[in-house]
Amino acid sequence: NWVNRNSDKMVGAKIEASHLPSFIPSVEVSTLSENAYSNYADHFIS
């Protein structure tokens, strides 16, 4: 359970990009919607 719960916590993570290290301003480009279930996962961005 503790491993599965950790993977589940990444669901909903936001992917942002910026020209500055402060991320002000930034643009949201994607959201992690899948649960990797403690395995390798690929998240594709368009």
ModelCIF file with pLDDT and N, C-alpha, C, O atoms, coordinates in Angstrom:
data_MODEL
#
_entry.id   MODEL 
#
_entity.id                         1 
_entity.type                       polymer 
_entity.pdbx_number_of_molecules   1 
#
_entity_poly.entity_id                      1 
_entity_poly.type                           'polypeptide(L)' 
_entity_poly.nstd_linkage                   no 
_entity_poly.nstd_monomer                   no 
_entity_poly.pdbx_seq_one_letter_code       NWVNRNSDKMVGAKIEASHLPSFIPSVEVSTLSENAYSNYADHFIS 
_entity_poly.pdbx_seq_one_letter_code_can   NWVNRNSDKMVGAKIEASHLPSFIPSVEVSTLSENAYSNYADHFIS 
_entity_poly.pdbx_strand_id                 A 
#
loop_
_entity_poly_seq.entity_id 
_entity_poly_seq.num 
_entity_poly_seq.mon_id 
_entity_poly_seq.hetero 
1 1  ASN n 
1 2  TRP n 
1 3  VAL n 
1 4  ASN n 
1 5  ARG n 
1 6  ASN n 
1 7  SER n 
1 8  ASP n 
1 9  LYS n 
1 10 MET n 
1 11 VAL n 
1 12 GLY n 
1 13 ALA n 
1 14 LYS n 
1 15 ILE n 
1 16 GLU n 
1 17 ALA n 
1 18 SER n 
1 19 HIS n 
1 20 LEU n 
1 21 PRO n 
1 22 SER n 
1 23 PHE n 
1 24 ILE n 
1 25 PRO n 
1 26 SER n 
1 27 VAL n 
1 28 GLU n 
1 29 VAL n 
1 30 SER n 
1 31 THR n 
1 32 LEU n 
1 33 SER n 
1 34 GLU n 
1 35 ASN n 
1 36 ALA n 
1 37 TYR n 
1 38 SER n 
1 39 ASN n 
1 40 TYR n 
1 41 ALA n 
1 42 ASP n 
1 43 HIS n 
1 44 PHE n 
1 45 ILE n 
1 46 SER n 
#
_struct_asym.id          A 
_struct_asym.entity_id   1 
#
loop_
_ma_qa_metric.id 
_ma_qa_metric.mode 
_ma_qa_metric.name 
_ma_qa_metric.software_group_id 
_ma_qa_metric.type 
1 global pLDDT . pLDDT 
2 local  pLDDT . pLDDT 
#
_ma_qa_metric_global.metric_id      1 
_ma_qa_metric_global.metric_value   93.91 
_ma_qa_metric_global.model_id       1 
_ma_qa_metric_global.ordinal_id     1 
#
loop_
_ma_qa_metric_local.label_asym_id 
_ma_qa_metric_local.label_comp_id 
_ma_qa_metric_local.label_seq_id 
_ma_qa_metric_local.metric_id 
_ma_qa_metric_local.metric_value 
_ma_qa_metric_local.model_id 
_ma_qa_metric_local.ordinal_id 
A ASN 1  2 86.00 1 1  
A TRP 2  2 86.00 1 2  
A VAL 3  2 87.00 1 3  
A ASN 4  2 85.00 1 4  
A ARG 5  2 90.00 1 5  
A ASN 6  2 92.00 1 6  
A SER 7  2 91.00 1 7  
A ASP 8  2 92.00 1 8  
A LYS 9  2 93.00 1 9  
A MET 10 2 94.00 1 10 
A VAL 11 2 95.00 1 11 
A GLY 12 2 96.00 1 12 
A ALA 13 2 97.00 1 13 
A LYS 14 2 97.00 1 14 
A ILE 15 2 98.00 1 15 
A GLU 16 2 98.00 1 16 
A ALA 17 2 98.00 1 17 
A SER 18 2 98.00 1 18 
A HIS 19 2 98.00 1 19 
A LEU 20 2 98.00 1 20 
A PRO 21 2 97.00 1 21 
A SER 22 2 96.00 1 22 
A PHE 23 2 97.00 1 23 
A ILE 24 2 96.00 1 24 
A PRO 25 2 97.00 1 25 
A SER 26 2 97.00 1 26 
A VAL 27 2 97.00 1 27 
A GLU 28 2 97.00 1 28 
A VAL 29 2 97.00 1 29 
A SER 30 2 97.00 1 30 
A THR 31 2 97.00 1 31 
A LEU 32 2 96.00 1 32 
A SER 33 2 92.00 1 33 
A GLU 34 2 89.00 1 34 
A ASN 35 2 90.00 1 35 
A ALA 36 2 91.00 1 36 
A TYR 37 2 87.00 1 37 
A SER 38 2 89.00 1 38 
A ASN 39 2 91.00 1 39 
A TYR 40 2 92.00 1 40 
A ALA 41 2 93.00 1 41 
A ASP 42 2 95.00 1 42 
A HIS 43 2 96.00 1 43 
A PHE 44 2 97.00 1 44 
A ILE 45 2 96.00 1 45 
A SER 46 2 92.00 1 46 
#
loop_
_atom_site.group_PDB 
_atom_site.id 
_atom_site.type_symbol 
_atom_site.label_atom_id 
_atom_site.label_alt_id 
_atom_site.label_comp_id 
_atom_site.label_asym_id 
_atom_site.label_entity_id 
_atom_site.label_seq_id 
_atom_site.pdbx_PDB_ins_code 
_atom_site.Cartn_x 
_atom_site.Cartn_y 
_atom_site.Cartn_z 
_atom_site.occupancy 
_atom_site.B_iso_or_equiv 
_atom_site.pdbx_formal_charge 
_atom_site.auth_seq_id 
_atom_site.auth_comp_id 
_atom_site.auth_asym_id 
_atom_site.auth_atom_id 
_atom_site.pdbx_PDB_model_num 
ATOM 1   N N  . ASN A 1 1  ? 0.803  -1.226 0.000   1.00 86.00 ? 1  ASN A N  1 
ATOM 2   C CA . ASN A 1 1  ? 0.000  0.000  0.000   1.00 86.00 ? 1  ASN A CA 1 
ATOM 3   C C  . ASN A 1 1  ? 0.831  1.270  0.000   1.00 86.00 ? 1  ASN A C  1 
ATOM 4   O O  . ASN A 1 1  ? 0.485  2.222  -0.699  1.00 86.00 ? 1  ASN A O  1 
ATOM 5   N N  . TRP A 1 2  ? 1.924  1.316  0.766   1.00 86.00 ? 2  TRP A N  1 
ATOM 6   C CA . TRP A 1 2  ? 2.675  2.566  0.872   1.00 86.00 ? 2  TRP A CA 1 
ATOM 7   C C  . TRP A 1 2  ? 3.357  2.908  -0.454  1.00 86.00 ? 2  TRP A C  1 
ATOM 8   O O  . TRP A 1 2  ? 3.533  4.087  -0.763  1.00 86.00 ? 2  TRP A O  1 
ATOM 9   N N  . VAL A 1 3  ? 3.742  1.905  -1.238  1.00 87.00 ? 3  VAL A N  1 
ATOM 10  C CA . VAL A 1 3  ? 4.328  2.167  -2.555  1.00 87.00 ? 3  VAL A CA 1 
ATOM 11  C C  . VAL A 1 3  ? 3.243  2.636  -3.522  1.00 87.00 ? 3  VAL A C  1 
ATOM 12  O O  . VAL A 1 3  ? 3.450  3.572  -4.294  1.00 87.00 ? 3  VAL A O  1 
ATOM 13  N N  . ASN A 1 4  ? 2.090  1.979  -3.473  1.00 85.00 ? 4  ASN A N  1 
ATOM 14  C CA . ASN A 1 4  ? 0.988  2.347  -4.356  1.00 85.00 ? 4  ASN A CA 1 
ATOM 15  C C  . ASN A 1 4  ? 0.493  3.760  -4.050  1.00 85.00 ? 4  ASN A C  1 
ATOM 16  O O  . ASN A 1 4  ? 0.194  4.527  -4.966  1.00 85.00 ? 4  ASN A O  1 
ATOM 17  N N  . ARG A 1 5  ? 0.407  4.103  -2.776  1.00 90.00 ? 5  ARG A N  1 
ATOM 18  C CA . ARG A 1 5  ? -0.057 5.445  -2.404  1.00 90.00 ? 5  ARG A CA 1 
ATOM 19  C C  . ARG A 1 5  ? 0.898  6.513  -2.922  1.00 90.00 ? 5  ARG A C  1 
ATOM 20  O O  . ARG A 1 5  ? 0.464  7.590  -3.331  1.00 90.00 ? 5  ARG A O  1 
ATOM 21  N N  . ASN A 1 6  ? 2.189  6.221  -2.906  1.00 92.00 ? 6  ASN A N  1 
ATOM 22  C CA . ASN A 1 6  ? 3.161  7.190  -3.405  1.00 92.00 ? 6  ASN A CA 1 
ATOM 23  C C  . ASN A 1 6  ? 2.946  7.455  -4.896  1.00 92.00 ? 6  ASN A C  1 
ATOM 24  O O  . ASN A 1 6  ? 2.963  8.608  -5.326  1.00 92.00 ? 6  ASN A O  1 
ATOM 25  N N  . SER A 1 7  ? 2.743  6.400  -5.686  1.00 91.00 ? 7  SER A N  1 
ATOM 26  C CA . SER A 1 7  ? 2.502  6.571  -7.124  1.00 91.00 ? 7  SER A CA 1 
ATOM 27  C C  . SER A 1 7  ? 1.232  7.371  -7.362  1.00 91.00 ? 7  SER A C  1 
ATOM 28  O O  . SER A 1 7  ? 1.177  8.214  -8.257  1.00 91.00 ? 7  SER A O  1 
ATOM 29  N N  . ASP A 1 8  ? 0.220  7.104  -6.563  1.00 92.00 ? 8  ASP A N  1 
ATOM 30  C CA . ASP A 1 8  ? -1.068 7.781  -6.728  1.00 92.00 ? 8  ASP A CA 1 
ATOM 31  C C  . ASP A 1 8  ? -0.951 9.287  -6.479  1.00 92.00 ? 8  ASP A C  1 
ATOM 32  O O  . ASP A 1 8  ? -1.715 10.073 -7.039  1.00 92.00 ? 8  ASP A O  1 
ATOM 33  N N  . LYS A 1 9  ? 0.007  9.684  -5.639  1.00 93.00 ? 9  LYS A N  1 
ATOM 34  C CA . LYS A 1 9  ? 0.170  11.100 -5.308  1.00 93.00 ? 9  LYS A CA 1 
ATOM 35  C C  . LYS A 1 9  ? 0.690  11.922 -6.476  1.00 93.00 ? 9  LYS A C  1 
ATOM 36  O O  . LYS A 1 9  ? 0.584  13.148 -6.463  1.00 93.00 ? 9  LYS A O  1 
ATOM 37  N N  . MET A 1 10 ? 1.253  11.262 -7.491  1.00 94.00 ? 10 MET A N  1 
ATOM 38  C CA . MET A 1 10 ? 1.757  12.008 -8.648  1.00 94.00 ? 10 MET A CA 1 
ATOM 39  C C  . MET A 1 10 ? 0.652  12.325 -9.650  1.00 94.00 ? 10 MET A C  1 
ATOM 40  O O  . MET A 1 10 ? 0.831  13.170 -10.527 1.00 94.00 ? 10 MET A O  1 
ATOM 41  N N  . VAL A 1 11 ? -0.484 11.653 -9.524  1.00 95.00 ? 11 VAL A N  1 
ATOM 42  C CA . VAL A 1 11 ? -1.602 11.933 -10.423 1.00 95.00 ? 11 VAL A CA 1 
ATOM 43  C C  . VAL A 1 11 ? -2.111 13.353 -10.168 1.00 95.00 ? 11 VAL A C  1 
ATOM 44  O O  . VAL A 1 11 ? -2.415 13.718 -9.032  1.00 95.00 ? 11 VAL A O  1 
ATOM 45  N N  . GLY A 1 12 ? -2.200 14.137 -11.219 1.00 96.00 ? 12 GLY A N  1 
ATOM 46  C CA . GLY A 1 12 ? -2.616 15.530 -11.087 1.00 96.00 ? 12 GLY A CA 1 
ATOM 47  C C  . GLY A 1 12 ? -1.468 16.514 -11.066 1.00 96.00 ? 12 GLY A C  1 
ATOM 48  O O  . GLY A 1 12 ? -1.697 17.722 -11.016 1.00 96.00 ? 12 GLY A O  1 
ATOM 49  N N  . ALA A 1 13 ? -0.230 16.025 -11.102 1.00 97.00 ? 13 ALA A N  1 
ATOM 50  C CA . ALA A 1 13 ? 0.930  16.919 -11.126 1.00 97.00 ? 13 ALA A CA 1 
ATOM 51  C C  . ALA A 1 13 ? 0.917  17.767 -12.398 1.00 97.00 ? 13 ALA A C  1 
ATOM 52  O O  . ALA A 1 13 ? 0.609  17.264 -13.478 1.00 97.00 ? 13 ALA A O  1 
ATOM 53  N N  . LYS A 1 14 ? 1.246  19.030 -12.272 1.00 97.00 ? 14 LYS A N  1 
ATOM 54  C CA . LYS A 1 14 ? 1.233  19.974 -13.392 1.00 97.00 ? 14 LYS A CA 1 
ATOM 55  C C  . LYS A 1 14 ? 2.631  20.108 -13.996 1.00 97.00 ? 14 LYS A C  1 
ATOM 56  O O  . LYS A 1 14 ? 3.621  20.182 -13.268 1.00 97.00 ? 14 LYS A O  1 
ATOM 57  N N  . ILE A 1 15 ? 2.706  20.139 -15.308 1.00 98.00 ? 15 ILE A N  1 
ATOM 58  C CA . ILE A 1 15 ? 3.957  20.378 -16.014 1.00 98.00 ? 15 ILE A CA 1 
ATOM 59  C C  . ILE A 1 15 ? 3.955  21.833 -16.475 1.00 98.00 ? 15 ILE A C  1 
ATOM 60  O O  . ILE A 1 15 ? 3.060  22.251 -17.209 1.00 98.00 ? 15 ILE A O  1 
ATOM 61  N N  . GLU A 1 16 ? 4.944  22.598 -16.050 1.00 98.00 ? 16 GLU A N  1 
ATOM 62  C CA . GLU A 1 16 ? 5.040  24.000 -16.423 1.00 98.00 ? 16 GLU A CA 1 
ATOM 63  C C  . GLU A 1 16 ? 6.397  24.297 -17.052 1.00 98.00 ? 16 GLU A C  1 
ATOM 64  O O  . GLU A 1 16 ? 7.380  23.596 -16.814 1.00 98.00 ? 16 GLU A O  1 
ATOM 65  N N  . ALA A 1 17 ? 6.425  25.351 -17.858 1.00 98.00 ? 17 ALA A N  1 
ATOM 66  C CA . ALA A 1 17 ? 7.658  25.772 -18.509 1.00 98.00 ? 17 ALA A CA 1 
ATOM 67  C C  . ALA A 1 17 ? 7.803  27.290 -18.381 1.00 98.00 ? 17 ALA A C  1 
ATOM 68  O O  . ALA A 1 17 ? 6.817  28.015 -18.249 1.00 98.00 ? 17 ALA A O  1 
ATOM 69  N N  . SER A 1 18 ? 9.060  27.752 -18.424 1.00 98.00 ? 18 SER A N  1 
ATOM 70  C CA . SER A 1 18 ? 9.302  29.184 -18.280 1.00 98.00 ? 18 SER A CA 1 
ATOM 71  C C  . SER A 1 18 ? 10.657 29.541 -18.889 1.00 98.00 ? 18 SER A C  1 
ATOM 72  O O  . SER A 1 18 ? 11.513 28.682 -19.103 1.00 98.00 ? 18 SER A O  1 
ATOM 73  N N  . HIS A 1 19 ? 10.822 30.834 -19.160 1.00 98.00 ? 19 HIS A N  1 
ATOM 74  C CA . HIS A 1 19 ? 12.107 31.354 -19.601 1.00 98.00 ? 19 HIS A CA 1 
ATOM 75  C C  . HIS A 1 19 ? 12.970 31.790 -18.415 1.00 98.00 ? 19 HIS A C  1 
ATOM 76  O O  . HIS A 1 19 ? 14.142 32.128 -18.583 1.00 98.00 ? 19 HIS A O  1 
ATOM 77  N N  . LEU A 1 20 ? 12.381 31.781 -17.213 1.00 98.00 ? 20 LEU A N  1 
ATOM 78  C CA . LEU A 1 20 ? 13.075 32.245 -16.017 1.00 98.00 ? 20 LEU A CA 1 
ATOM 79  C C  . LEU A 1 20 ? 13.053 31.183 -14.925 1.00 98.00 ? 20 LEU A C  1 
ATOM 80  O O  . LEU A 1 20 ? 12.068 30.454 -14.808 1.00 98.00 ? 20 LEU A O  1 
ATOM 81  N N  . PRO A 1 21 ? 14.108 31.073 -14.123 1.00 97.00 ? 21 PRO A N  1 
ATOM 82  C CA . PRO A 1 21 ? 14.154 30.044 -13.073 1.00 97.00 ? 21 PRO A CA 1 
ATOM 83  C C  . PRO A 1 21 ? 13.127 30.264 -11.970 1.00 97.00 ? 21 PRO A C  1 
ATOM 84  O O  . PRO A 1 21 ? 12.804 29.334 -11.230 1.00 97.00 ? 21 PRO A O  1 
ATOM 85  N N  . SER A 1 22 ? 12.610 31.485 -11.853 1.00 96.00 ? 22 SER A N  1 
ATOM 86  C CA . SER A 1 22 ? 11.581 31.765 -10.845 1.00 96.00 ? 22 SER A CA 1 
ATOM 87  C C  . SER A 1 22 ? 10.212 31.241 -11.277 1.00 96.00 ? 22 SER A C  1 
ATOM 88  O O  . SER A 1 22 ? 9.290  31.150 -10.468 1.00 96.00 ? 22 SER A O  1 
ATOM 89  N N  . PHE A 1 23 ? 10.091 30.896 -12.560 1.00 97.00 ? 23 PHE A N  1 
ATOM 90  C CA . PHE A 1 23 ? 8.819  30.472 -13.158 1.00 97.00 ? 23 PHE A CA 1 
ATOM 91  C C  . PHE A 1 23 ? 7.757  31.560 -13.037 1.00 97.00 ? 23 PHE A C  1 
ATOM 92  O O  . PHE A 1 23 ? 6.567  31.270 -12.909 1.00 97.00 ? 23 PHE A O  1 
ATOM 93  N N  . ILE A 1 24 ? 8.197  32.796 -13.078 1.00 96.00 ? 24 ILE A N  1 
ATOM 94  C CA . ILE A 1 24 ? 7.296  33.946 -13.123 1.00 96.00 ? 24 ILE A CA 1 
ATOM 95  C C  . ILE A 1 24 ? 7.704  34.805 -14.317 1.00 96.00 ? 24 ILE A C  1 
ATOM 96  O O  . ILE A 1 24 ? 8.724  35.490 -14.262 1.00 96.00 ? 24 ILE A O  1 
ATOM 97  N N  . PRO A 1 25 ? 6.922  34.775 -15.390 1.00 97.00 ? 25 PRO A N  1 
ATOM 98  C CA . PRO A 1 25 ? 5.697  33.983 -15.573 1.00 97.00 ? 25 PRO A CA 1 
ATOM 99  C C  . PRO A 1 25 ? 6.028  32.559 -16.033 1.00 97.00 ? 25 PRO A C  1 
ATOM 100 O O  . PRO A 1 25 ? 7.178  32.244 -16.340 1.00 97.00 ? 25 PRO A O  1 
ATOM 101 N N  . SER A 1 26 ? 5.013  31.716 -16.076 1.00 97.00 ? 26 SER A N  1 
ATOM 102 C CA . SER A 1 26 ? 5.174  30.350 -16.569 1.00 97.00 ? 26 SER A CA 1 
ATOM 103 C C  . SER A 1 26 ? 3.939  29.972 -17.373 1.00 97.00 ? 26 SER A C  1 
ATOM 104 O O  . SER A 1 26 ? 2.910  30.646 -17.318 1.00 97.00 ? 26 SER A O  1 
ATOM 105 N N  . VAL A 1 27 ? 4.062  28.884 -18.119 1.00 97.00 ? 27 VAL A N  1 
ATOM 106 C CA . VAL A 1 27 ? 2.935  28.383 -18.889 1.00 97.00 ? 27 VAL A CA 1 
ATOM 107 C C  . VAL A 1 27 ? 2.704  26.925 -18.515 1.00 97.00 ? 27 VAL A C  1 
ATOM 108 O O  . VAL A 1 27 ? 3.645  26.134 -18.461 1.00 97.00 ? 27 VAL A O  1 
ATOM 109 N N  . GLU A 1 28 ? 1.461  26.579 -18.260 1.00 97.00 ? 28 GLU A N  1 
ATOM 110 C CA . GLU A 1 28 ? 1.114  25.185 -17.957 1.00 97.00 ? 28 GLU A CA 1 
ATOM 111 C C  . GLU A 1 28 ? 0.929  24.437 -19.275 1.00 97.00 ? 28 GLU A C  1 
ATOM 112 O O  . GLU A 1 28 ? 0.123  24.835 -20.116 1.00 97.00 ? 28 GLU A O  1 
ATOM 113 N N  . VAL A 1 29 ? 1.676  23.359 -19.447 1.00 97.00 ? 29 VAL A N  1 
ATOM 114 C CA . VAL A 1 29 ? 1.657  22.653 -20.730 1.00 97.00 ? 29 VAL A CA 1 
ATOM 115 C C  . VAL A 1 29 ? 0.967  21.293 -20.665 1.00 97.00 ? 29 VAL A C  1 
ATOM 116 O O  . VAL A 1 29 ? 0.530  20.775 -21.693 1.00 97.00 ? 29 VAL A O  1 
ATOM 117 N N  . SER A 1 30 ? 0.862  20.705 -19.467 1.00 97.00 ? 30 SER A N  1 
ATOM 118 C CA . SER A 1 30 ? 0.255  19.372 -19.390 1.00 97.00 ? 30 SER A CA 1 
ATOM 119 C C  . SER A 1 30 ? -0.002 18.998 -17.929 1.00 97.00 ? 30 SER A C  1 
ATOM 120 O O  . SER A 1 30 ? 0.423  19.693 -17.006 1.00 97.00 ? 30 SER A O  1 
ATOM 121 N N  . THR A 1 31 ? -0.713 17.875 -17.746 1.00 97.00 ? 31 THR A N  1 
ATOM 122 C CA . THR A 1 31 ? -1.011 17.343 -16.410 1.00 97.00 ? 31 THR A CA 1 
ATOM 123 C C  . THR A 1 31 ? -0.837 15.833 -16.424 1.00 97.00 ? 31 THR A C  1 
ATOM 124 O O  . THR A 1 31 ? -1.296 15.157 -17.344 1.00 97.00 ? 31 THR A O  1 
ATOM 125 N N  . LEU A 1 32 ? -0.173 15.308 -15.402 1.00 96.00 ? 32 LEU A N  1 
ATOM 126 C CA . LEU A 1 32 ? -0.044 13.851 -15.276 1.00 96.00 ? 32 LEU A CA 1 
ATOM 127 C C  . LEU A 1 32 ? -1.395 13.280 -14.853 1.00 96.00 ? 32 LEU A C  1 
ATOM 128 O O  . LEU A 1 32 ? -1.907 13.598 -13.780 1.00 96.00 ? 32 LEU A O  1 
ATOM 129 N N  . SER A 1 33 ? -1.959 12.442 -15.700 1.00 92.00 ? 33 SER A N  1 
ATOM 130 C CA . SER A 1 33 ? -3.284 11.886 -15.392 1.00 92.00 ? 33 SER A CA 1 
ATOM 131 C C  . SER A 1 33 ? -3.239 10.393 -15.116 1.00 92.00 ? 33 SER A C  1 
ATOM 132 O O  . SER A 1 33 ? -4.242 9.809  -14.705 1.00 92.00 ? 33 SER A O  1 
ATOM 133 N N  . GLU A 1 34 ? -2.068 9.757  -15.339 1.00 89.00 ? 34 GLU A N  1 
ATOM 134 C CA . GLU A 1 34 ? -1.987 8.314  -15.181 1.00 89.00 ? 34 GLU A CA 1 
ATOM 135 C C  . GLU A 1 34 ? -1.263 7.941  -13.884 1.00 89.00 ? 34 GLU A C  1 
ATOM 136 O O  . GLU A 1 34 ? -0.400 8.677  -13.406 1.00 89.00 ? 34 GLU A O  1 
ATOM 137 N N  . ASN A 1 35 ? -1.629 6.795  -13.331 1.00 90.00 ? 35 ASN A N  1 
ATOM 138 C CA . ASN A 1 35 ? -0.947 6.244  -12.165 1.00 90.00 ? 35 ASN A CA 1 
ATOM 139 C C  . ASN A 1 35 ? 0.083  5.242  -12.667 1.00 90.00 ? 35 ASN A C  1 
ATOM 140 O O  . ASN A 1 35 ? -0.273 4.273  -13.337 1.00 90.00 ? 35 ASN A O  1 
ATOM 141 N N  . ALA A 1 36 ? 1.351  5.463  -12.352 1.00 91.00 ? 36 ALA A N  1 
ATOM 142 C CA . ALA A 1 36 ? 2.422  4.598  -12.853 1.00 91.00 ? 36 ALA A CA 1 
ATOM 143 C C  . ALA A 1 36 ? 2.526  3.288  -12.075 1.00 91.00 ? 36 ALA A C  1 
ATOM 144 O O  . ALA A 1 36 ? 3.218  2.369  -12.515 1.00 91.00 ? 36 ALA A O  1 
ATOM 145 N N  . TYR A 1 37 ? 1.853  3.183  -10.927 1.00 87.00 ? 37 TYR A N  1 
ATOM 146 C CA . TYR A 1 37 ? 1.888  1.962  -10.111 1.00 87.00 ? 37 TYR A CA 1 
ATOM 147 C C  . TYR A 1 37 ? 3.316  1.475  -9.875  1.00 87.00 ? 37 TYR A C  1 
ATOM 148 O O  . TYR A 1 37 ? 3.617  0.296  -10.059 1.00 87.00 ? 37 TYR A O  1 
ATOM 149 N N  . SER A 1 38 ? 4.181  2.385  -9.470  1.00 89.00 ? 38 SER A N  1 
ATOM 150 C CA . SER A 1 38 ? 5.565  2.131  -9.089  1.00 89.00 ? 38 SER A CA 1 
ATOM 151 C C  . SER A 1 38 ? 6.409  1.591  -10.237 1.00 89.00 ? 38 SER A C  1 
ATOM 152 O O  . SER A 1 38 ? 7.457  0.989  -10.003 1.00 89.00 ? 38 SER A O  1 
ATOM 153 N N  . ASN A 1 39 ? 5.963  1.800  -11.478 1.00 91.00 ? 39 ASN A N  1 
ATOM 154 C CA . ASN A 1 39 ? 6.722  1.347  -12.636 1.00 91.00 ? 39 ASN A CA 1 
ATOM 155 C C  . ASN A 1 39 ? 7.128  2.563  -13.466 1.00 91.00 ? 39 ASN A C  1 
ATOM 156 O O  . ASN A 1 39 ? 6.623  3.666  -13.257 1.00 91.00 ? 39 ASN A O  1 
ATOM 157 N N  . TYR A 1 40 ? 8.044  2.351  -14.407 1.00 92.00 ? 40 TYR A N  1 
ATOM 158 C CA . TYR A 1 40 ? 8.414  3.420  -15.327 1.00 92.00 ? 40 TYR A CA 1 
ATOM 159 C C  . TYR A 1 40 ? 7.192  3.851  -16.136 1.00 92.00 ? 40 TYR A C  1 
ATOM 160 O O  . TYR A 1 40 ? 6.364  3.025  -16.518 1.00 92.00 ? 40 TYR A O  1 
ATOM 161 N N  . ALA A 1 41 ? 7.094  5.137  -16.387 1.00 93.00 ? 41 ALA A N  1 
ATOM 162 C CA . ALA A 1 41 ? 5.982  5.660  -17.171 1.00 93.00 ? 41 ALA A CA 1 
ATOM 163 C C  . ALA A 1 41 ? 6.490  6.763  -18.092 1.00 93.00 ? 41 ALA A C  1 
ATOM 164 O O  . ALA A 1 41 ? 7.468  7.444  -17.784 1.00 93.00 ? 41 ALA A O  1 
ATOM 165 N N  . ASP A 1 42 ? 5.815  6.928  -19.224 1.00 95.00 ? 42 ASP A N  1 
ATOM 166 C CA . ASP A 1 42 ? 6.114  7.999  -20.168 1.00 95.00 ? 42 ASP A CA 1 
ATOM 167 C C  . ASP A 1 42 ? 4.913  8.924  -20.243 1.00 95.00 ? 42 ASP A C  1 
ATOM 168 O O  . ASP A 1 42 ? 3.783  8.477  -20.440 1.00 95.00 ? 42 ASP A O  1 
ATOM 169 N N  . HIS A 1 43 ? 5.162  10.200 -20.087 1.00 96.00 ? 43 HIS A N  1 
ATOM 170 C CA . HIS A 1 43 ? 4.113  11.201 -20.248 1.00 96.00 ? 43 HIS A CA 1 
ATOM 171 C C  . HIS A 1 43 ? 4.468  12.046 -21.465 1.00 96.00 ? 43 HIS A C  1 
ATOM 172 O O  . HIS A 1 43 ? 5.517  12.689 -21.493 1.00 96.00 ? 43 HIS A O  1 
ATOM 173 N N  . PHE A 1 44 ? 3.600  12.044 -22.465 1.00 97.00 ? 44 PHE A N  1 
ATOM 174 C CA . PHE A 1 44 ? 3.871  12.733 -23.716 1.00 97.00 ? 44 PHE A CA 1 
ATOM 175 C C  . PHE A 1 44 ? 3.267  14.137 -23.697 1.00 97.00 ? 44 PHE A C  1 
ATOM 176 O O  . PHE A 1 44 ? 2.174  14.356 -23.174 1.00 97.00 ? 44 PHE A O  1 
ATOM 177 N N  . ILE A 1 45 ? 4.001  15.073 -24.277 1.00 96.00 ? 45 ILE A N  1 
ATOM 178 C CA . ILE A 1 45 ? 3.612  16.485 -24.279 1.00 96.00 ? 45 ILE A CA 1 
ATOM 179 C C  . ILE A 1 45 ? 3.555  16.986 -25.718 1.00 96.00 ? 45 ILE A C  1 
ATOM 180 O O  . ILE A 1 45 ? 4.499  16.795 -26.485 1.00 96.00 ? 45 ILE A O  1 
ATOM 181 N N  . SER A 1 46 ? 2.463  17.616 -26.076 1.00 92.00 ? 46 SER A N  1 
ATOM 182 C CA . SER A 1 46 ? 2.337  18.211 -27.414 1.00 92.00 ? 46 SER A CA 1 
ATOM 183 C C  . SER A 1 46 ? 2.356  19.733 -27.270 1.00 92.00 ? 46 SER A C  1 
ATOM 184 O O  . SER A 1 46 ? 2.263  20.448 -28.268 1.00 92.00 ? 46 SER A O  1 
#
